[in-house]
PDB file of N, CA and C in Angstrom:
ATOM      1  N   SER A   1     -10.345  30.740 -37.003  1.00  0.00           N
ATOM      2  CA  SER A   1      -9.033  31.315 -37.060  1.00  0.00           C
ATOM      3  C   SER A   1      -8.247  30.002 -37.451  1.00  0.00           C
ATOM      4  N   PRO A   2      -7.242  30.519 -38.159  1.00  0.00           N
ATOM      5  CA  PRO A   2      -6.105  29.618 -38.980  1.00  0.00           C
ATOM      6  C   PRO A   2      -5.152  29.010 -37.478  1.00  0.00           C
ATOM      7  N   GLN A   3      -4.744  27.459 -37.795  1.00  0.00           N
ATOM      8  CA  GLN A   3      -3.880  27.266 -36.364  1.00  0.00           C
ATOM      9  C   GLN A   3      -2.134  27.817 -37.151  1.00  0.00           C
ATOM     10  N   VAL A   4      -2.178  27.515 -38.094  1.00  0.00           N
ATOM     11  CA  VAL A   4      -0.653  28.369 -38.692  1.00  0.00           C
ATOM     12  C   VAL A   4      -0.614  30.086 -39.272  1.00  0.00           C
ATOM     13  N   ARG A   5       0.183  30.823 -38.613  1.00  0.00           N
ATOM     14  CA  ARG A   5       0.016  32.073 -39.317  1.00  0.00           C
ATOM     15  C   ARG A   5       1.354  32.671 -39.209  1.00  0.00           C
ATOM     16  N   GLY A   6       1.502  34.405 -39.565  1.00  0.00           N
ATOM     17  CA  GLY A   6       2.371  35.363 -39.080  1.00  0.00           C
ATOM     18  C   GLY A   6       3.349  35.010 -40.034  1.00  0.00           C
ATOM     19  N   LEU A   7       4.752  34.646 -39.645  1.00  0.00           N
ATOM     20  CA  LEU A   7       6.147  34.279 -40.444  1.00  0.00           C
ATOM     21  C   LEU A   7       5.466  33.064 -41.136  1.00  0.00           C
ATOM     22  N   CYS A   8       4.737  32.157 -40.469  1.00  0.00           N
ATOM     23  CA  CYS A   8       4.790  30.891 -41.225  1.00  0.00           C
ATOM     24  C   CYS A   8       3.891  30.839 -42.469  1.00  0.00           C
ATOM     25  N   GLY A   9       3.225  32.091 -42.475  1.00  0.00           N
ATOM     26  CA  GLY A   9       1.773  32.036 -43.853  1.00  0.00           C
ATOM     27  C   GLY A   9       1.030  31.021 -43.067  1.00  0.00           C
ATOM     28  N   THR A  10      -0.200  30.938 -43.492  1.00  0.00           N
ATOM     29  CA  THR A  10      -1.652  30.654 -42.992  1.00  0.00           C
ATOM     30  C   THR A  10      -1.391  28.962 -43.657  1.00  0.00           C
ATOM     31  N   TYR A  11      -0.590  28.411 -44.464  1.00  0.00           N
ATOM     32  CA  TYR A  11      -0.920  27.131 -44.760  1.00  0.00           C
ATOM     33  C   TYR A  11      -2.582  26.515 -45.143  1.00  0.00           C
ATOM     34  N   ASN A  12      -3.384  27.686 -45.712  1.00  0.00           N
ATOM     35  CA  ASN A  12      -4.526  27.750 -46.583  1.00  0.00           C
ATOM     36  C   ASN A  12      -4.777  27.548 -47.879  1.00  0.00           C
ATOM     37  N   GLY A  13      -3.736  27.831 -48.811  1.00  0.00           N
ATOM     38  CA  GLY A  13      -3.610  28.064 -49.727  1.00  0.00           C
ATOM     39  C   GLY A  13      -3.979  28.964 -50.465  1.00  0.00           C
ATOM     40  N   ASP A  14      -4.132  30.258 -50.023  1.00  0.00           N
ATOM     41  CA  ASP A  14      -4.891  31.647 -50.368  1.00  0.00           C
ATOM     42  C   ASP A  14      -3.643  32.321 -50.160  1.00  0.00           C
ATOM     43  N   GLN A  15      -2.932  32.736 -50.675  1.00  0.00           N
ATOM     44  CA  GLN A  15      -2.004  33.636 -50.777  1.00  0.00           C
ATOM     45  C   GLN A  15      -2.136  35.404 -50.369  1.00  0.00           C
ATOM     46  N   ARG A  16      -3.644  35.432 -50.593  1.00  0.00           N
ATOM     47  CA  ARG A  16      -4.028  36.782 -50.480  1.00  0.00           C
ATOM     48  C   ARG A  16      -3.203  37.080 -48.662  1.00  0.00           C
ATOM     49  N   ASP A  17      -3.678  36.151 -48.011  1.00  0.00           N
ATOM     50  CA  ASP A  17      -3.436  36.132 -46.564  1.00  0.00           C
ATOM     51  C   ASP A  17      -2.447  36.180 -46.023  1.00  0.00           C
ATOM     52  N   GLU A  18      -1.351  35.353 -47.135  1.00  0.00           N
ATOM     53  CA  GLU A  18      -0.121  35.243 -45.658  1.00  0.00           C
ATOM     54  C   GLU A  18       0.972  36.554 -45.566  1.00  0.00           C
ATOM     55  N   PHE A  19       0.492  37.535 -45.527  1.00  0.00           N
ATOM     56  CA  PHE A  19       1.468  38.603 -44.755  1.00  0.00           C
ATOM     57  C   PHE A  19       0.137  39.112 -43.613  1.00  0.00           C
ATOM     58  N   ALA A  20      -0.327  38.605 -43.255  1.00  0.00           N
ATOM     59  CA  ALA A  20      -1.093  38.901 -42.166  1.00  0.00           C
ATOM     60  C   ALA A  20      -0.128  39.040 -40.846  1.00  0.00           C
ATOM     61  N   THR A  21      -0.618  40.175 -40.469  1.00  0.00           N
ATOM     62  CA  THR A  21       0.270  40.942 -39.408  1.00  0.00           C
ATOM     63  C   THR A  21      -0.282  40.033 -37.790  1.00  0.00           C
ATOM     64  N   PRO A  22       0.364  40.391 -36.890  1.00  0.00           N
ATOM     65  CA  PRO A  22       0.028  39.888 -35.439  1.00  0.00           C
ATOM     66  C   PRO A  22      -1.154  40.389 -35.242  1.00  0.00           C
ATOM     67  N   VAL A  23      -1.763  42.023 -35.466  1.00  0.00           N
ATOM     68  CA  VAL A  23      -3.373  42.241 -35.358  1.00  0.00           C
ATOM     69  C   VAL A  23      -4.039  42.098 -35.934  1.00  0.00           C
ATOM     70  N   GLY A  24      -3.371  40.889 -36.976  1.00  0.00           N
ATOM     71  CA  GLY A  24      -4.637  40.851 -37.726  1.00  0.00           C
ATOM     72  C   GLY A  24      -4.721  41.357 -39.447  1.00  0.00           C
ATOM     73  N   ASP A  25      -4.469  42.501 -39.698  1.00  0.00           N
ATOM     74  CA  ASP A  25      -4.432  43.455 -41.065  1.00  0.00           C
ATOM     75  C   ASP A  25      -3.533  41.912 -42.193  1.00  0.00           C
ATOM     76  N   VAL A  26      -3.629  42.852 -42.785  1.00  0.00           N
ATOM     77  CA  VAL A  26      -3.061  42.010 -44.180  1.00  0.00           C
ATOM     78  C   VAL A  26      -2.051  42.913 -45.003  1.00  0.00           C
ATOM     79  N   GLU A  27      -0.708  43.064 -45.021  1.00  0.00           N
ATOM     80  CA  GLU A  27       0.345  43.755 -45.561  1.00  0.00           C
ATOM     81  C   GLU A  27       0.043  43.520 -47.072  1.00  0.00           C
ATOM     82  N   SER A  28       0.901  44.081 -47.567  1.00  0.00           N
ATOM     83  CA  SER A  28       0.498  44.316 -49.518  1.00  0.00           C
ATOM     84  C   SER A  28       2.295  43.937 -50.015  1.00  0.00           C
ATOM     85  N   SER A  29       3.262  44.562 -48.718  1.00  0.00           N
ATOM     86  CA  SER A  29       4.310  44.482 -49.200  1.00  0.00           C
ATOM     87  C   SER A  29       5.452  43.431 -47.666  1.00  0.00           C
ATOM     88  N   VAL A  30       6.363  43.171 -48.521  1.00  0.00           N
ATOM     89  CA  VAL A  30       7.177  42.286 -47.519  1.00  0.00           C
ATOM     90  C   VAL A  30       7.619  43.199 -46.577  1.00  0.00           C
ATOM     91  N   SER A  31       8.087  44.235 -47.139  1.00  0.00           N
ATOM     92  CA  SER A  31       9.085  45.019 -46.041  1.00  0.00           C
ATOM     93  C   SER A  31       7.787  45.957 -44.923  1.00  0.00           C
ATOM     94  N   ALA A  32       6.764  45.949 -44.838  1.00  0.00           N
ATOM     95  CA  ALA A  32       5.526  46.534 -44.058  1.00  0.00           C
ATOM     96  C   ALA A  32       5.617  45.478 -43.128  1.00  0.00           C
ATOM     97  N   PHE A  33       5.440  44.110 -43.890  1.00  0.00           N
ATOM     98  CA  PHE A  33       5.086  42.984 -43.469  1.00  0.00           C
ATOM     99  C   PHE A  33       6.103  42.842 -42.202  1.00  0.00           C
ATOM    100  N   ALA A  34       6.906  42.762 -42.886  1.00  0.00           N
ATOM    101  CA  ALA A  34       8.418  42.029 -41.648  1.00  0.00           C
ATOM    102  C   ALA A  34       8.627  43.067 -40.729  1.00  0.00           C
ATOM    103  N   ASP A  35       8.466  44.801 -40.575  1.00  0.00           N
ATOM    104  CA  ASP A  35       8.050  45.927 -40.023  1.00  0.00           C
ATOM    105  C   ASP A  35       7.044  45.247 -38.704  1.00  0.00           C
ATOM    106  N   LYS A  36       6.158  44.784 -39.075  1.00  0.00           N
ATOM    107  CA  LYS A  36       4.881  44.520 -37.979  1.00  0.00           C
ATOM    108  C   LYS A  36       5.468  43.773 -37.215  1.00  0.00           C
ATOM    109  N   TYR A  37       6.560  42.574 -37.435  1.00  0.00           N
ATOM    110  CA  TYR A  37       6.979  41.886 -36.563  1.00  0.00           C
ATOM    111  C   TYR A  37       8.477  41.945 -35.820  1.00  0.00           C
ATOM    112  N   ARG A  38       8.973  43.205 -36.237  1.00  0.00           N
ATOM    113  CA  ARG A  38       9.982  43.610 -35.532  1.00  0.00           C
ATOM    114  C   ARG A  38      10.238  44.189 -34.225  1.00  0.00           C
ATOM    115  N   VAL A  39      11.118  43.497 -33.011  1.00  0.00           N
ATOM    116  CA  VAL A  39      10.833  43.958 -31.891  1.00  0.00           C
ATOM    117  C   VAL A  39      11.231  45.785 -32.095  1.00  0.00           C
ATOM    118  N   PRO A  40      10.499  46.267 -31.611  1.00  0.00           N
ATOM    119  CA  PRO A  40      11.004  47.699 -31.262  1.00  0.00           C
ATOM    120  C   PRO A  40      12.536  47.801 -30.448  1.00  0.00           C
ATOM    121  N   GLY A  41      13.280  48.812 -31.109  1.00  0.00           N
ATOM    122  CA  GLY A  41      14.501  48.689 -30.642  1.00  0.00           C
ATOM    123  C   GLY A  41      15.436  47.376 -30.954  1.00  0.00           C
ATOM    124  N   ALA A  42      15.111  46.504 -31.369  1.00  0.00           N
ATOM    125  CA  ALA A  42      15.898  45.278 -31.129  1.00  0.00           C
ATOM    126  C   ALA A  42      17.240  45.233 -32.988  1.00  0.00           C
ATOM    127  N   CYS A  43      16.119  46.341 -33.998  1.00  0.00           N
ATOM    128  CA  CYS A  43      16.945  46.845 -35.177  1.00  0.00           C
ATOM    129  C   CYS A  43      15.910  47.987 -35.955  1.00  0.00           C
ATOM    130  N   PRO A  44      16.560  48.704 -36.962  1.00  0.00           N
ATOM    131  CA  PRO A  44      16.373  49.385 -37.303  1.00  0.00           C
ATOM    132  C   PRO A  44      15.179  48.835 -38.316  1.00  0.00           C
ATOM    133  N   ALA A  45      14.363  49.778 -38.813  1.00  0.00           N
ATOM    134  CA  ALA A  45      12.873  49.057 -39.718  1.00  0.00           C
ATOM    135  C   ALA A  45      13.961  49.058 -40.828  1.00  0.00           C
ATOM    136  N   ARG A  46      13.394  48.540 -41.868  1.00  0.00           N
ATOM    137  CA  ARG A  46      13.787  48.108 -42.882  1.00  0.00           C
ATOM    138  C   ARG A  46      13.093  49.303 -44.156  1.00  0.00           C
ATOM    139  N   GLY A  47      14.034  49.438 -45.052  1.00  0.00           N
ATOM    140  CA  GLY A  47      13.375  49.908 -46.187  1.00  0.00           C
ATOM    141  C   GLY A  47      12.834  49.075 -47.406  1.00  0.00           C
ATOM    142  N   PRO A  48      12.996  49.581 -48.558  1.00  0.00           N
ATOM    143  CA  PRO A  48      11.876  48.830 -49.513  1.00  0.00           C
ATOM    144  C   PRO A  48      12.926  47.633 -50.174  1.00  0.00           C
ATOM    145  N   PHE A  49      12.812  46.392 -50.165  1.00  0.00           N
ATOM    146  CA  PHE A  49      13.491  45.284 -50.639  1.00  0.00           C
ATOM    147  C   PHE A  49      13.880  45.436 -52.549  1.00  0.00           C
ATOM    148  N   ALA A  50      14.968  45.197 -52.417  1.00  0.00           N
ATOM    149  CA  ALA A  50      15.703  45.062 -53.905  1.00  0.00           C
ATOM    150  C   ALA A  50      14.520  44.868 -55.013  1.00  0.00           C
ATOM    151  N   ALA A  51      14.304  44.625 -56.186  1.00  0.00           N
ATOM    152  CA  ALA A  51      13.254  44.059 -57.314  1.00  0.00           C
ATOM    153  C   ALA A  51      13.634  42.755 -57.235  1.00  0.00           C
ATOM    154  N   ASP A  52      14.789  42.511 -57.305  1.00  0.00           N
ATOM    155  CA  ASP A  52      15.156  41.188 -57.373  1.00  0.00           C
ATOM    156  C   ASP A  52      16.816  40.982 -56.529  1.00  0.00           C
ATOM    157  N   PRO A  53      16.460  39.961 -55.456  1.00  0.00           N
ATOM    158  CA  PRO A  53      17.193  40.079 -54.420  1.00  0.00           C
ATOM    159  C   PRO A  53      18.710  39.158 -54.990  1.00  0.00           C
ATOM    160  N   CYS A  54      18.836  38.266 -55.544  1.00  0.00           N
ATOM    161  CA  CYS A  54      19.867  37.923 -56.611  1.00  0.00           C
ATOM    162  C   CYS A  54      20.576  38.441 -56.957  1.00  0.00           C
ATOM    163  N   ASP A  55      19.864  39.490 -58.229  1.00  0.00           N
ATOM    164  CA  ASP A  55      20.903  40.632 -58.218  1.00  0.00           C
ATOM    165  C   ASP A  55      21.540  41.745 -57.214  1.00  0.00           C
ATOM    166  N   ALA A  56      20.972  41.894 -56.386  1.00  0.00           N
ATOM    167  CA  ALA A  56      21.499  42.668 -55.540  1.00  0.00           C
ATOM    168  C   ALA A  56      22.676  42.015 -54.980  1.00  0.00           C
ATOM    169  N   TYR A  57      22.330  41.031 -54.948  1.00  0.00           N
ATOM    170  CA  TYR A  57      23.448  40.356 -53.612  1.00  0.00           C
ATOM    171  C   TYR A  57      23.751  39.008 -54.239  1.00  0.00           C
ATOM    172  N   ALA A  58      24.586  38.858 -54.922  1.00  0.00           N
ATOM    173  CA  ALA A  58      25.072  38.126 -56.364  1.00  0.00           C
ATOM    174  C   ALA A  58      25.830  37.298 -55.154  1.00  0.00           C
ATOM    175  N   GLY A  59      26.467  37.555 -54.923  1.00  0.00           N
ATOM    176  CA  GLY A  59      27.637  36.787 -54.071  1.00  0.00           C
ATOM    177  C   GLY A  59      26.942  35.885 -52.420  1.00  0.00           C
ATOM    178  N   GLN A  60      25.361  36.185 -52.673  1.00  0.00           N
ATOM    179  CA  GLN A  60      24.607  35.139 -51.250  1.00  0.00           C
ATOM    180  C   GLN A  60      24.287  34.397 -52.386  1.00  0.00           C
ATOM    181  N   ARG A  61      24.136  34.098 -53.254  1.00  0.00           N
ATOM    182  CA  ARG A  61      23.184  33.090 -54.121  1.00  0.00           C
ATOM    183  C   ARG A  61      23.022  31.846 -53.001  1.00  0.00           C
ATOM    184  N   ASP A  62      24.376  30.886 -53.081  1.00  0.00           N
ATOM    185  CA  ASP A  62      24.738  29.554 -52.998  1.00  0.00           C
ATOM    186  C   ASP A  62      23.723  30.128 -51.360  1.00  0.00           C
ATOM    187  N   ALA A  63      24.636  30.651 -50.176  1.00  0.00           N
ATOM    188  CA  ALA A  63      24.056  30.464 -49.035  1.00  0.00           C
ATOM    189  C   ALA A  63      22.322  31.065 -49.499  1.00  0.00           C
ATOM    190  N   ALA A  64      22.230  31.131 -50.359  1.00  0.00           N
ATOM    191  CA  ALA A  64      20.274  31.340 -49.987  1.00  0.00           C
ATOM    192  C   ALA A  64      19.877  30.250 -50.711  1.00  0.00           C
ATOM    193  N   GLU A  65      20.228  29.822 -51.946  1.00  0.00           N
ATOM    194  CA  GLU A  65      19.870  28.493 -52.063  1.00  0.00           C
ATOM    195  C   GLU A  65      20.283  27.311 -50.961  1.00  0.00           C
ATOM    196  N   ALA A  66      20.803  27.482 -50.394  1.00  0.00           N
ATOM    197  CA  ALA A  66      21.081  26.122 -49.547  1.00  0.00           C
ATOM    198  C   ALA A  66      20.195  26.732 -48.485  1.00  0.00           C
ATOM    199  N   ALA A  67      19.491  27.616 -48.089  1.00  0.00           N
ATOM    200  CA  ALA A  67      18.392  28.167 -46.749  1.00  0.00           C
ATOM    201  C   ALA A  67      17.929  27.328 -47.267  1.00  0.00           C
ATOM    202  N   CYS A  68      16.916  27.745 -48.389  1.00  0.00           N
ATOM    203  CA  CYS A  68      15.765  27.524 -49.562  1.00  0.00           C
ATOM    204  C   CYS A  68      15.168  26.448 -49.131  1.00  0.00           C
ATOM    205  N   ALA A  69      16.699  25.659 -49.636  1.00  0.00           N
ATOM    206  CA  ALA A  69      16.455  24.044 -49.798  1.00  0.00           C
ATOM    207  C   ALA A  69      15.433  23.302 -48.549  1.00  0.00           C
ATOM    208  N   VAL A  70      16.496  23.664 -47.266  1.00  0.00           N
ATOM    209  CA  VAL A  70      15.494  23.437 -46.077  1.00  0.00           C
ATOM    210  C   VAL A  70      14.393  23.696 -46.408  1.00  0.00           C
ATOM    211  N   LEU A  71      14.102  24.570 -46.793  1.00  0.00           N
ATOM    212  CA  LEU A  71      12.331  25.094 -46.218  1.00  0.00           C
ATOM    213  C   LEU A  71      11.465  23.899 -47.242  1.00  0.00           C
ATOM    214  N   HIS A  72      12.404  23.864 -48.720  1.00  0.00           N
ATOM    215  CA  HIS A  72      11.655  22.952 -49.610  1.00  0.00           C
ATOM    216  C   HIS A  72      11.754  21.086 -49.011  1.00  0.00           C
ATOM    217  N   GLY A  73      12.674  21.072 -47.922  1.00  0.00           N
ATOM    218  CA  GLY A  73      12.644  19.399 -47.718  1.00  0.00           C
ATOM    219  C   GLY A  73      12.190  18.856 -46.863  1.00  0.00           C
ATOM    220  N   SER A  74      12.342  17.740 -46.458  1.00  0.00           N
ATOM    221  CA  SER A  74      11.080  17.239 -46.145  1.00  0.00           C
ATOM    222  C   SER A  74      10.688  17.518 -44.361  1.00  0.00           C
ATOM    223  N   ALA A  75      11.288  18.324 -43.856  1.00  0.00           N
ATOM    224  CA  ALA A  75      10.783  18.663 -42.860  1.00  0.00           C
ATOM    225  C   ALA A  75       9.707  19.793 -42.178  1.00  0.00           C
ATOM    226  N   PHE A  76       9.759  20.134 -44.135  1.00  0.00           N
ATOM    227  CA  PHE A  76       8.549  20.844 -43.959  1.00  0.00           C
ATOM    228  C   PHE A  76       7.444  20.660 -45.190  1.00  0.00           C
ATOM    229  N   GLN A  77       7.075  19.299 -45.252  1.00  0.00           N
ATOM    230  CA  GLN A  77       5.918  18.790 -46.345  1.00  0.00           C
ATOM    231  C   GLN A  77       5.042  18.848 -45.242  1.00  0.00           C
TER     232      GLN A  77
END
């Protein structure tokens, strides 16, 4: 059993199991995966995501790049 899983991924070098759900199945889409972690009643289920989020939300690109920079930073090395 992996030490890290869920929204953090499994950190085992195999991208096929990165969308593992809390019950152990593996989803093939981001929206289905995210819905498995949604707290019932906390927020509505997500629909399909835009093919390219940067095109759909062009005004958010700078904020997204800043947030991603944290994930690529030394804290997650």
